[in-house]
């Protein structure tokens, strides 16, 4: 039997945000799926963020870089 745990990255707002998406994500993180898979969260969107226009622009520019960096880190973790 294969003992490899599959990692799944879930994208959504802050898990503390008051929204349907964050509620759904929290349900997934506390479900039986969390026992079968390594569930990770990557925050996207502006919910629960108090940010200036400059901060928002920086997030738009650097969020894709942060996302790909996280993917690279996870790939390294899976390959070792």
C-alpha atoms as a PDB file:
ATOM      1  CA  UNK A   1       0.000   0.000   0.000  1.00  0.00           C
ATOM      2  CA  UNK A   2       1.267   3.500  -0.889  1.00  0.00           C
ATOM      3  CA  UNK A   3       1.941   5.609   2.212  1.00  0.00           C
ATOM      4  CA  UNK A   4       2.577   8.859   0.296  1.00  0.00           C
ATOM      5  CA  UNK A   5       0.465  11.738   1.562  1.00  0.00           C
ATOM      6  CA  UNK A   6      -0.740  14.066  -1.182  1.00  0.00           C
ATOM      7  CA  UNK A   7      -0.370  17.780  -0.479  1.00  0.00           C
ATOM      8  CA  UNK A   8      -3.207  20.065  -1.571  1.00  0.00           C
ATOM      9  CA  UNK A   9      -2.907  23.846  -1.489  1.00  0.00           C
ATOM     10  CA  UNK A  10      -6.221  25.610  -0.960  1.00  0.00           C
ATOM     11  CA  UNK A  11      -6.450  29.246  -2.046  1.00  0.00           C
ATOM     12  CA  UNK A  12      -8.852  31.592  -0.325  1.00  0.00           C
ATOM     13  CA  UNK A  13      -9.307  34.500   2.024  1.00  0.00           C
ATOM     14  CA  UNK A  14      -7.997  34.597   5.567  1.00  0.00           C
ATOM     15  CA  UNK A  15      -9.322  31.670   7.552  1.00  0.00           C
ATOM     16  CA  UNK A  16     -10.460  34.218  10.157  1.00  0.00           C
ATOM     17  CA  UNK A  17     -12.492  36.260   7.657  1.00  0.00           C
ATOM     18  CA  UNK A  18     -16.256  36.275   7.923  1.00  0.00           C
ATOM     19  CA  UNK A  19     -17.219  34.831   4.563  1.00  0.00           C
ATOM     20  CA  UNK A  20     -18.672  31.743   2.997  1.00  0.00           C
ATOM     21  CA  UNK A  21     -15.365  30.812   1.384  1.00  0.00           C
ATOM     22  CA  UNK A  22     -13.408  30.990   4.644  1.00  0.00           C
ATOM     23  CA  UNK A  23     -16.139  28.963   6.360  1.00  0.00           C
ATOM     24  CA  UNK A  24     -15.883  26.324   3.635  1.00  0.00           C
ATOM     25  CA  UNK A  25     -12.073  26.248   3.911  1.00  0.00           C
ATOM     26  CA  UNK A  26     -12.259  25.850   7.690  1.00  0.00           C
ATOM     27  CA  UNK A  27     -14.689  22.976   7.251  1.00  0.00           C
ATOM     28  CA  UNK A  28     -12.249  21.297   4.863  1.00  0.00           C
ATOM     29  CA  UNK A  29      -9.332  21.775   7.288  1.00  0.00           C
ATOM     30  CA  UNK A  30     -11.375  20.133  10.053  1.00  0.00           C
ATOM     31  CA  UNK A  31     -12.858  17.356   7.925  1.00  0.00           C
ATOM     32  CA  UNK A  32     -11.731  13.792   7.403  1.00  0.00           C
ATOM     33  CA  UNK A  33      -9.982  14.976   4.227  1.00  0.00           C
ATOM     34  CA  UNK A  34      -7.421  16.729   6.435  1.00  0.00           C
ATOM     35  CA  UNK A  35      -6.492  13.314   7.804  1.00  0.00           C
ATOM     36  CA  UNK A  36      -6.012  11.866   4.328  1.00  0.00           C
ATOM     37  CA  UNK A  37      -4.267  14.841   2.688  1.00  0.00           C
ATOM     38  CA  UNK A  38      -1.755  17.465   3.751  1.00  0.00           C
ATOM     39  CA  UNK A  39      -3.929  20.567   3.334  1.00  0.00           C
ATOM     40  CA  UNK A  40      -2.187  23.932   3.026  1.00  0.00           C
ATOM     41  CA  UNK A  41      -3.670  27.413   2.864  1.00  0.00           C
ATOM     42  CA  UNK A  42      -2.508  30.282   0.660  1.00  0.00           C
ATOM     43  CA  UNK A  43      -4.298  33.551   1.364  1.00  0.00           C
ATOM     44  CA  UNK A  44      -5.620  35.448  -1.626  1.00  0.00           C
ATOM     45  CA  UNK A  45      -7.868  38.469  -1.858  1.00  0.00           C
ATOM     46  CA  UNK A  46      -8.236  41.468   0.394  1.00  0.00           C
ATOM     47  CA  UNK A  47     -10.704  40.170   2.974  1.00  0.00           C
ATOM     48  CA  UNK A  48      -9.525  40.797   6.545  1.00  0.00           C
ATOM     49  CA  UNK A  49      -6.712  43.033   5.300  1.00  0.00           C
ATOM     50  CA  UNK A  50      -6.504  46.682   6.160  1.00  0.00           C
ATOM     51  CA  UNK A  51      -4.209  47.995   3.461  1.00  0.00           C
ATOM     52  CA  UNK A  52      -3.364  51.225   1.710  1.00  0.00           C
ATOM     53  CA  UNK A  53      -3.394  51.651  -2.061  1.00  0.00           C
ATOM     54  CA  UNK A  54       0.388  51.139  -2.104  1.00  0.00           C
ATOM     55  CA  UNK A  55       0.055  47.947  -0.031  1.00  0.00           C
ATOM     56  CA  UNK A  56      -2.665  46.659  -2.342  1.00  0.00           C
ATOM     57  CA  UNK A  57      -0.511  47.355  -5.409  1.00  0.00           C
ATOM     58  CA  UNK A  58       2.430  45.566  -3.757  1.00  0.00           C
ATOM     59  CA  UNK A  59       0.166  42.584  -3.007  1.00  0.00           C
ATOM     60  CA  UNK A  60      -0.995  42.472  -6.642  1.00  0.00           C
ATOM     61  CA  UNK A  61       2.622  42.516  -7.829  1.00  0.00           C
ATOM     62  CA  UNK A  62       4.191  40.123  -5.317  1.00  0.00           C
ATOM     63  CA  UNK A  63       1.370  37.678  -4.626  1.00  0.00           C
ATOM     64  CA  UNK A  64       2.088  35.588  -7.744  1.00  0.00           C
ATOM     65  CA  UNK A  65       5.777  35.460  -6.780  1.00  0.00           C
ATOM     66  CA  UNK A  66       4.872  34.370  -3.240  1.00  0.00           C
ATOM     67  CA  UNK A  67       2.514  31.751  -4.624  1.00  0.00           C
ATOM     68  CA  UNK A  68       5.112  30.248  -6.970  1.00  0.00           C
ATOM     69  CA  UNK A  69       7.738  30.363  -4.219  1.00  0.00           C
ATOM     70  CA  UNK A  70       5.365  28.411  -1.973  1.00  0.00           C
ATOM     71  CA  UNK A  71       4.831  25.860  -4.740  1.00  0.00           C
ATOM     72  CA  UNK A  72       8.590  25.483  -5.149  1.00  0.00           C
ATOM     73  CA  UNK A  73       9.011  25.014  -1.391  1.00  0.00           C
ATOM     74  CA  UNK A  74       6.304  22.361  -1.323  1.00  0.00           C
ATOM     75  CA  UNK A  75       7.765  20.591  -4.339  1.00  0.00           C
ATOM     76  CA  UNK A  76      11.126  20.465  -2.572  1.00  0.00           C
ATOM     77  CA  UNK A  77       9.449  19.087   0.544  1.00  0.00           C
ATOM     78  CA  UNK A  78       7.768  16.391  -1.517  1.00  0.00           C
ATOM     79  CA  UNK A  79      10.958  15.448  -3.350  1.00  0.00           C
ATOM     80  CA  UNK A  80      13.103  14.926  -0.234  1.00  0.00           C
END
